[in-house]
């Protein structure tokens, strides 16, 4: 599957008084990119029966973003564990890496309010993400 990178839309409200994108906005960009990728990989995903919850986010800021920058985010699979998987993000302008991050996502059964093993049918789908 040929996955398209997520184009970041930088809003005026994302910028701070220094003129660059505020650090908190990056988490929103990563979340938007994650949803973008999941919609390509799992177009019929029923979020209610196969839930995921966010356990951890990390971000490394390499250089600032500004209002009219044309950035894209790619997502890579870093690891699949028993109940969780880790995604790595690369935020780029052209080929210049501006920020990178990771999210640990846990598979979660909302009916019984407990974590569950990674859904077996997801493993080959997640493996379509380029490995980091």
Protein backbone atom coordinates (compact mmCIF):
# COMPACT_ATOMS: atom_id res chain seq x y z
CA UNK A 1 0.00 0.00 0.00
CA UNK A 2 1.31 3.43 -0.94
CA UNK A 3 0.59 5.65 2.07
CA UNK A 4 0.54 9.37 1.52
CA UNK A 5 2.26 11.67 4.03
CA UNK A 6 0.01 13.90 6.09
CA UNK A 7 0.13 17.57 5.03
CA UNK A 8 0.28 19.82 8.10
CA UNK A 9 -1.99 22.85 8.05
CA UNK A 10 -0.49 25.46 10.36
CA UNK A 11 -3.16 27.74 11.76
CA UNK A 12 -2.50 31.29 12.91
CA UNK A 13 -3.63 30.24 16.40
CA UNK A 14 -0.84 27.59 16.46
CA UNK A 15 1.79 30.35 16.54
CA UNK A 16 3.04 32.12 19.65
CA UNK A 17 4.29 35.66 20.21
CA UNK A 18 7.73 34.68 18.93
CA UNK A 19 6.18 33.93 15.53
CA UNK A 20 6.83 30.21 15.51
CA UNK A 21 4.54 27.26 16.11
CA UNK A 22 3.97 26.62 19.80
CA UNK A 23 5.34 23.32 21.06
CA UNK A 24 1.91 22.03 22.16
CA UNK A 25 0.60 22.22 18.58
CA UNK A 26 2.95 19.44 17.49
CA UNK A 27 0.92 16.91 19.50
CA UNK A 28 -2.19 17.93 17.55
CA UNK A 29 -0.30 17.55 14.27
CA UNK A 30 0.89 14.07 15.27
CA UNK A 31 -2.63 13.06 16.30
CA UNK A 32 -4.06 14.34 13.00
CA UNK A 33 -1.39 12.42 11.10
CA UNK A 34 -2.13 9.25 13.08
CA UNK A 35 -5.84 9.49 12.20
CA UNK A 36 -4.91 10.17 8.57
CA UNK A 37 -2.77 7.03 8.43
CA UNK A 38 -5.31 4.87 10.27
CA UNK A 39 -8.02 5.98 7.81
CA UNK A 40 -5.80 4.72 4.97
CA UNK A 41 -4.80 1.48 6.68
CA UNK A 42 -8.12 0.65 8.37
CA UNK A 43 -10.88 2.36 6.35
CA UNK A 44 -13.64 0.30 8.00
CA UNK A 45 -12.26 0.47 11.53
CA UNK A 46 -14.93 0.45 14.23
CA UNK A 47 -13.34 2.55 16.94
CA UNK A 48 -15.87 1.38 19.52
CA UNK A 49 -15.14 -2.34 19.26
CA UNK A 50 -11.38 -2.12 18.66
CA UNK A 51 -10.24 0.76 20.79
CA UNK A 52 -6.83 2.25 21.32
CA UNK A 53 -5.71 4.65 24.00
CA UNK A 54 -2.66 6.84 24.08
CA UNK A 55 -0.17 5.86 26.76
CA UNK A 56 2.79 8.10 25.99
CA UNK A 57 3.93 10.88 23.66
CA UNK A 58 7.46 12.20 23.19
CA UNK A 59 8.67 14.99 20.92
CA UNK A 60 12.10 16.18 19.91
CA UNK A 61 12.10 19.68 18.44
CA UNK A 62 14.92 20.20 15.95
CA UNK A 63 14.10 23.59 14.41
CA UNK A 64 11.05 25.88 14.50
CA UNK A 65 8.03 25.89 12.23
CA UNK A 66 6.39 29.11 11.04
CA UNK A 67 2.92 30.06 9.85
CA UNK A 68 3.31 29.56 6.11
CA UNK A 69 5.60 26.52 6.21
CA UNK A 70 4.55 23.56 4.07
CA UNK A 71 5.27 20.57 6.29
CA UNK A 72 4.39 16.89 6.02
CA UNK A 73 4.37 14.10 8.58
CA UNK A 74 5.26 10.51 7.88
CA UNK A 75 4.59 7.73 10.35
CA UNK A 76 6.79 4.71 10.84
CA UNK A 77 6.20 1.59 12.89
CA UNK A 78 8.80 1.30 15.61
CA UNK A 79 7.55 -1.67 17.61
CA UNK A 80 4.64 -4.04 18.12
CA UNK A 81 4.38 -5.43 21.62
CA UNK A 82 1.87 -7.74 23.28
CA UNK A 83 -0.76 -5.08 24.08
CA UNK A 84 0.74 -1.96 22.55
CA UNK A 85 2.51 -0.60 19.52
CA UNK A 86 4.81 2.37 19.05
CA UNK A 87 4.60 4.79 16.16
CA UNK A 88 7.39 7.20 15.21
CA UNK A 89 6.66 10.53 13.53
CA UNK A 90 8.89 12.59 11.26
CA UNK A 91 7.81 16.16 10.55
CA UNK A 92 9.59 17.46 7.46
CA UNK A 93 9.70 20.53 5.27
CA UNK A 94 10.86 19.25 1.90
CA UNK A 95 13.56 16.83 3.10
CA UNK A 96 14.59 18.74 6.23
CA UNK A 97 13.62 17.06 9.50
CA UNK A 98 12.07 19.69 11.80
CA UNK A 99 10.73 17.49 14.60
CA UNK A 100 10.29 13.86 15.46
CA UNK A 101 8.20 12.08 18.02
CA UNK A 102 6.77 8.82 19.22
CA UNK A 103 3.45 7.58 20.54
CA UNK A 104 2.80 4.40 22.46
CA UNK A 105 -0.74 3.21 21.78
CA UNK A 106 -2.45 0.50 23.81
CA UNK A 107 -5.23 -1.70 22.45
CA UNK A 108 -8.21 -1.30 24.75
CA UNK A 109 -11.57 -3.02 25.16
CA UNK A 110 -13.99 -0.27 26.17
CA UNK A 111 -16.73 -2.79 27.03
CA UNK A 112 -14.72 -4.31 29.89
CA UNK A 113 -12.47 -1.27 30.51
CA UNK A 114 -9.22 -3.23 30.14
CA UNK A 115 -6.27 -3.38 27.81
CA UNK A 116 -6.18 -6.26 25.37
CA UNK A 117 -3.63 -7.87 23.09
CA UNK A 118 -2.87 -6.14 19.80
CA UNK A 119 -5.66 -7.13 17.45
CA UNK A 120 -4.27 -10.05 15.38
CA UNK A 121 -5.73 -8.70 12.13
CA UNK A 122 -3.94 -5.38 12.72
CA UNK A 123 -0.43 -6.85 12.83
CA UNK A 124 -0.01 -7.29 9.04
CA UNK A 125 -1.71 -3.93 8.49
CA UNK A 126 0.60 -2.10 10.92
CA UNK A 127 3.56 -3.82 9.31
CA UNK A 128 2.71 -1.94 6.10
CA UNK A 129 4.10 1.16 7.80
CA UNK A 130 7.76 1.51 7.00
CA UNK A 131 9.88 0.19 9.87
CA UNK A 132 12.04 2.60 11.81
